[in-house]
Amino acid sequence: MSREDVIWVYRIFLGREPENDDVINQQVSSGRTRLEMIAQIMESEEFTSKHVVR
């Protein structure tokens, strides 16, 4: 997963930029795939508070 992938996942699913470069670097080096990161984001309190999840 690239830096750009992380930024776009945040923009699309959370409607905002990542907090800082440390967060981006942590996601990039985590070894997770884009789909795994998206699943993690969709399970987050921030995402569920912004979206109706059924």
PDB file of N, CA and C in Angstrom:
ATOM      1  N   MET A   1       0.853  -1.165   0.000  1.00  0.00           N
ATOM      2  CA  MET A   1       0.000   0.000   0.000  1.00  0.00           C
ATOM      3  C   MET A   1       0.905   1.236   0.000  1.00  0.00           C
ATOM      4  N   SER A   2       0.516   2.207  -0.778  1.00  0.00           N
ATOM      5  CA  SER A   2       1.336   3.414  -0.902  1.00  0.00           C
ATOM      6  C   SER A   2       0.802   4.545  -0.029  1.00  0.00           C
ATOM      7  N   ARG A   3       1.598   5.576   0.067  1.00  0.00           N
ATOM      8  CA  ARG A   3       1.221   6.787   0.801  1.00  0.00           C
ATOM      9  C   ARG A   3      -0.066   7.382   0.214  1.00  0.00           C
ATOM     10  N   GLU A   4      -0.148   7.406  -1.104  1.00  0.00           N
ATOM     11  CA  GLU A   4      -1.325   7.944  -1.770  1.00  0.00           C
ATOM     12  C   GLU A   4      -2.565   7.102  -1.466  1.00  0.00           C
ATOM     13  N   ASP A   5      -2.393   5.782  -1.388  1.00  0.00           N
ATOM     14  CA  ASP A   5      -3.514   4.908  -1.030  1.00  0.00           C
ATOM     15  C   ASP A   5      -4.085   5.302   0.332  1.00  0.00           C
ATOM     16  N   VAL A   6      -3.210   5.495   1.298  1.00  0.00           N
ATOM     17  CA  VAL A   6      -3.635   5.836   2.658  1.00  0.00           C
ATOM     18  C   VAL A   6      -4.391   7.172   2.647  1.00  0.00           C
ATOM     19  N   ILE A   7      -3.841   8.147   1.980  1.00  0.00           N
ATOM     20  CA  ILE A   7      -4.472   9.469   1.933  1.00  0.00           C
ATOM     21  C   ILE A   7      -5.862   9.377   1.312  1.00  0.00           C
ATOM     22  N   TRP A   8      -5.992   8.644   0.214  1.00  0.00           N
ATOM     23  CA  TRP A   8      -7.289   8.540  -0.444  1.00  0.00           C
ATOM     24  C   TRP A   8      -8.289   7.744   0.365  1.00  0.00           C
ATOM     25  N   VAL A   9      -7.857   6.712   1.062  1.00  0.00           N
ATOM     26  CA  VAL A   9      -8.781   5.964   1.932  1.00  0.00           C
ATOM     27  C   VAL A   9      -9.333   6.890   3.007  1.00  0.00           C
ATOM     28  N   TYR A  10      -8.485   7.703   3.609  1.00  0.00           N
ATOM     29  CA  TYR A  10      -8.950   8.671   4.616  1.00  0.00           C
ATOM     30  C   TYR A  10      -9.939   9.658   3.998  1.00  0.00           C
ATOM     31  N   ARG A  11      -9.610  10.176   2.835  1.00  0.00           N
ATOM     32  CA  ARG A  11     -10.483  11.164   2.191  1.00  0.00           C
ATOM     33  C   ARG A  11     -11.844  10.562   1.848  1.00  0.00           C
ATOM     34  N   ILE A  12     -11.825   9.392   1.254  1.00  0.00           N
ATOM     35  CA  ILE A  12     -13.065   8.776   0.781  1.00  0.00           C
ATOM     36  C   ILE A  12     -13.922   8.274   1.940  1.00  0.00           C
ATOM     37  N   PHE A  13     -13.321   7.576   2.891  1.00  0.00           N
ATOM     38  CA  PHE A  13     -14.105   6.922   3.933  1.00  0.00           C
ATOM     39  C   PHE A  13     -14.314   7.771   5.182  1.00  0.00           C
ATOM     40  N   LEU A  14     -13.397   8.678   5.471  1.00  0.00           N
ATOM     41  CA  LEU A  14     -13.548   9.507   6.669  1.00  0.00           C
ATOM     42  C   LEU A  14     -13.809  10.975   6.341  1.00  0.00           C
ATOM     43  N   GLY A  15     -13.648  11.337   5.080  1.00  0.00           N
ATOM     44  CA  GLY A  15     -13.925  12.704   4.664  1.00  0.00           C
ATOM     45  C   GLY A  15     -12.923  13.710   5.191  1.00  0.00           C
ATOM     46  N   ARG A  16     -11.701  13.248   5.422  1.00  0.00           N
ATOM     47  CA  ARG A  16     -10.679  14.157   5.948  1.00  0.00           C
ATOM     48  C   ARG A  16      -9.292  13.636   5.581  1.00  0.00           C
ATOM     49  N   GLU A  17      -8.296  14.479   5.866  1.00  0.00           N
ATOM     50  CA  GLU A  17      -6.896  14.094   5.669  1.00  0.00           C
ATOM     51  C   GLU A  17      -6.419  13.283   6.877  1.00  0.00           C
ATOM     52  N   PRO A  18      -5.422  12.428   6.692  1.00  0.00           N
ATOM     53  CA  PRO A  18      -4.813  11.761   7.841  1.00  0.00           C
ATOM     54  C   PRO A  18      -4.241  12.796   8.812  1.00  0.00           C
ATOM     55  N   GLU A  19      -4.181  12.432  10.089  1.00  0.00           N
ATOM     56  CA  GLU A  19      -3.743  13.361  11.128  1.00  0.00           C
ATOM     57  C   GLU A  19      -2.363  13.951  10.863  1.00  0.00           C
ATOM     58  N   ASN A  20      -1.429  13.102  10.449  1.00  0.00           N
ATOM     59  CA  ASN A  20      -0.055  13.561  10.229  1.00  0.00           C
ATOM     60  C   ASN A  20       0.722  12.497   9.461  1.00  0.00           C
ATOM     61  N   ASP A  21       1.979  12.793   9.145  1.00  0.00           N
ATOM     62  CA  ASP A  21       2.821  11.853   8.397  1.00  0.00           C
ATOM     63  C   ASP A  21       3.085  10.569   9.170  1.00  0.00           C
ATOM     64  N   ASP A  22       3.121  10.638  10.491  1.00  0.00           N
ATOM     65  CA  ASP A  22       3.346   9.426  11.284  1.00  0.00           C
ATOM     66  C   ASP A  22       2.231   8.413  11.061  1.00  0.00           C
ATOM     67  N   VAL A  23       0.993   8.892  10.999  1.00  0.00           N
ATOM     68  CA  VAL A  23      -0.152   8.007  10.759  1.00  0.00           C
ATOM     69  C   VAL A  23      -0.038   7.378   9.375  1.00  0.00           C
ATOM     70  N   ILE A  24       0.309   8.174   8.390  1.00  0.00           N
ATOM     71  CA  ILE A  24       0.470   7.660   7.023  1.00  0.00           C
ATOM     72  C   ILE A  24       1.570   6.603   6.991  1.00  0.00           C
ATOM     73  N   ASN A  25       2.726   6.918   7.562  1.00  0.00           N
ATOM     74  CA  ASN A  25       3.848   5.980   7.554  1.00  0.00           C
ATOM     75  C   ASN A  25       3.517   4.688   8.296  1.00  0.00           C
ATOM     76  N   GLN A  26       2.770   4.796   9.390  1.00  0.00           N
ATOM     77  CA  GLN A  26       2.378   3.603  10.145  1.00  0.00           C
ATOM     78  C   GLN A  26       1.484   2.700   9.293  1.00  0.00           C
ATOM     79  N   GLN A  27       0.542   3.299   8.590  1.00  0.00           N
ATOM     80  CA  GLN A  27      -0.350   2.510   7.728  1.00  0.00           C
ATOM     81  C   GLN A  27       0.431   1.855   6.588  1.00  0.00           C
ATOM     82  N   VAL A  28       1.339   2.614   5.972  1.00  0.00           N
ATOM     83  CA  VAL A  28       2.126   2.080   4.850  1.00  0.00           C
ATOM     84  C   VAL A  28       2.988   0.907   5.310  1.00  0.00           C
ATOM     85  N   SER A  29       3.590   1.020   6.471  1.00  0.00           N
ATOM     86  CA  SER A  29       4.506  -0.024   6.945  1.00  0.00           C
ATOM     87  C   SER A  29       3.796  -1.162   7.683  1.00  0.00           C
ATOM     88  N   SER A  30       2.475  -1.076   7.830  1.00  0.00           N
ATOM     89  CA  SER A  30       1.731  -2.082   8.589  1.00  0.00           C
ATOM     90  C   SER A  30       1.689  -3.448   7.906  1.00  0.00           C
ATOM     91  N   GLY A  31       1.862  -3.454   6.594  1.00  0.00           N
ATOM     92  CA  GLY A  31       1.790  -4.713   5.858  1.00  0.00           C
ATOM     93  C   GLY A  31       0.368  -5.079   5.448  1.00  0.00           C
ATOM     94  N   ARG A  32      -0.606  -4.241   5.831  1.00  0.00           N
ATOM     95  CA  ARG A  32      -1.995  -4.497   5.454  1.00  0.00           C
ATOM     96  C   ARG A  32      -2.224  -4.105   3.999  1.00  0.00           C
ATOM     97  N   THR A  33      -3.203  -4.749   3.409  1.00  0.00           N
ATOM     98  CA  THR A  33      -3.618  -4.377   2.062  1.00  0.00           C
ATOM     99  C   THR A  33      -4.594  -3.215   2.145  1.00  0.00           C
ATOM    100  N   ARG A  34      -4.896  -2.620   1.007  1.00  0.00           N
ATOM    101  CA  ARG A  34      -5.903  -1.545   0.974  1.00  0.00           C
ATOM    102  C   ARG A  34      -7.238  -2.044   1.510  1.00  0.00           C
ATOM    103  N   LEU A  35      -7.634  -3.241   1.086  1.00  0.00           N
ATOM    104  CA  LEU A  35      -8.921  -3.773   1.553  1.00  0.00           C
ATOM    105  C   LEU A  35      -8.934  -3.994   3.049  1.00  0.00           C
ATOM    106  N   GLU A  36      -7.826  -4.440   3.615  1.00  0.00           N
ATOM    107  CA  GLU A  36      -7.748  -4.611   5.069  1.00  0.00           C
ATOM    108  C   GLU A  36      -7.831  -3.268   5.785  1.00  0.00           C
ATOM    109  N   MET A  37      -7.192  -2.262   5.225  1.00  0.00           N
ATOM    110  CA  MET A  37      -7.255  -0.937   5.833  1.00  0.00           C
ATOM    111  C   MET A  37      -8.673  -0.379   5.751  1.00  0.00           C
ATOM    112  N   ILE A  38      -9.319  -0.558   4.610  1.00  0.00           N
ATOM    113  CA  ILE A  38     -10.691  -0.088   4.453  1.00  0.00           C
ATOM    114  C   ILE A  38     -11.607  -0.777   5.463  1.00  0.00           C
ATOM    115  N   ALA A  39     -11.449  -2.073   5.629  1.00  0.00           N
ATOM    116  CA  ALA A  39     -12.263  -2.807   6.616  1.00  0.00           C
ATOM    117  C   ALA A  39     -12.038  -2.255   8.015  1.00  0.00           C
ATOM    118  N   GLN A  40     -10.787  -1.977   8.355  1.00  0.00           N
ATOM    119  CA  GLN A  40     -10.465  -1.422   9.672  1.00  0.00           C
ATOM    120  C   GLN A  40     -11.123  -0.052   9.844  1.00  0.00           C
ATOM    121  N   ILE A  41     -11.041   0.787   8.836  1.00  0.00           N
ATOM    122  CA  ILE A  41     -11.644   2.122   8.894  1.00  0.00           C
ATOM    123  C   ILE A  41     -13.159   2.002   9.057  1.00  0.00           C
ATOM    124  N   MET A  42     -13.777   1.089   8.297  1.00  0.00           N
ATOM    125  CA  MET A  42     -15.227   0.951   8.346  1.00  0.00           C
ATOM    126  C   MET A  42     -15.727   0.428   9.691  1.00  0.00           C
ATOM    127  N   GLU A  43     -14.867  -0.213  10.443  1.00  0.00           N
ATOM    128  CA  GLU A  43     -15.221  -0.697  11.776  1.00  0.00           C
ATOM    129  C   GLU A  43     -14.935   0.332  12.866  1.00  0.00           C
ATOM    130  N   SER A  44     -14.321   1.445  12.488  1.00  0.00           N
ATOM    131  CA  SER A  44     -13.934   2.446  13.484  1.00  0.00           C
ATOM    132  C   SER A  44     -15.138   3.245  13.978  1.00  0.00           C
ATOM    133  N   GLU A  45     -15.023   3.758  15.172  1.00  0.00           N
ATOM    134  CA  GLU A  45     -16.072   4.602  15.747  1.00  0.00           C
ATOM    135  C   GLU A  45     -16.271   5.863  14.908  1.00  0.00           C
ATOM    136  N   GLU A  46     -15.178   6.410  14.411  1.00  0.00           N
ATOM    137  CA  GLU A  46     -15.275   7.630  13.600  1.00  0.00           C
ATOM    138  C   GLU A  46     -16.130   7.392  12.359  1.00  0.00           C
ATOM    139  N   PHE A  47     -15.890   6.285  11.669  1.00  0.00           N
ATOM    140  CA  PHE A  47     -16.657   5.987  10.457  1.00  0.00           C
ATOM    141  C   PHE A  47     -18.118   5.736  10.792  1.00  0.00           C
ATOM    142  N   THR A  48     -18.374   4.897  11.788  1.00  0.00           N
ATOM    143  CA  THR A  48     -19.758   4.553  12.105  1.00  0.00           C
ATOM    144  C   THR A  48     -20.540   5.749  12.640  1.00  0.00           C
ATOM    145  N   SER A  49     -19.861   6.704  13.261  1.00  0.00           N
ATOM    146  CA  SER A  49     -20.569   7.891  13.736  1.00  0.00           C
ATOM    147  C   SER A  49     -20.950   8.836  12.582  1.00  0.00           C
ATOM    148  N   LYS A  50     -20.260   8.700  11.446  1.00  0.00           N
ATOM    149  CA  LYS A  50     -20.518   9.557  10.295  1.00  0.00           C
ATOM    150  C   LYS A  50     -21.447   8.918   9.276  1.00  0.00           C
ATOM    151  N   HIS A  51     -21.583   7.586   9.335  1.00  0.00           N
ATOM    152  CA  HIS A  51     -22.334   6.852   8.317  1.00  0.00           C
ATOM    153  C   HIS A  51     -23.299   5.873   8.972  1.00  0.00           C
ATOM    154  N   VAL A  52     -24.393   5.629   8.283  1.00  0.00           N
ATOM    155  CA  VAL A  52     -25.323   4.611   8.744  1.00  0.00           C
ATOM    156  C   VAL A  52     -24.793   3.277   8.243  1.00  0.00           C
ATOM    157  N   VAL A  53     -24.494   2.391   9.164  1.00  0.00           N
ATOM    158  CA  VAL A  53     -23.965   1.073   8.809  1.00  0.00           C
ATOM    159  C   VAL A  53     -25.052   0.054   9.115  1.00  0.00           C
ATOM    160  N   ARG A  54     -25.401  -0.731   8.125  1.00  0.00           N
ATOM    161  CA  ARG A  54     -26.450  -1.754   8.302  1.00  0.00           C
ATOM    162  C   ARG A  54     -25.867  -3.124   8.184  1.00  0.00           C
TER     163      ARG A  54
END
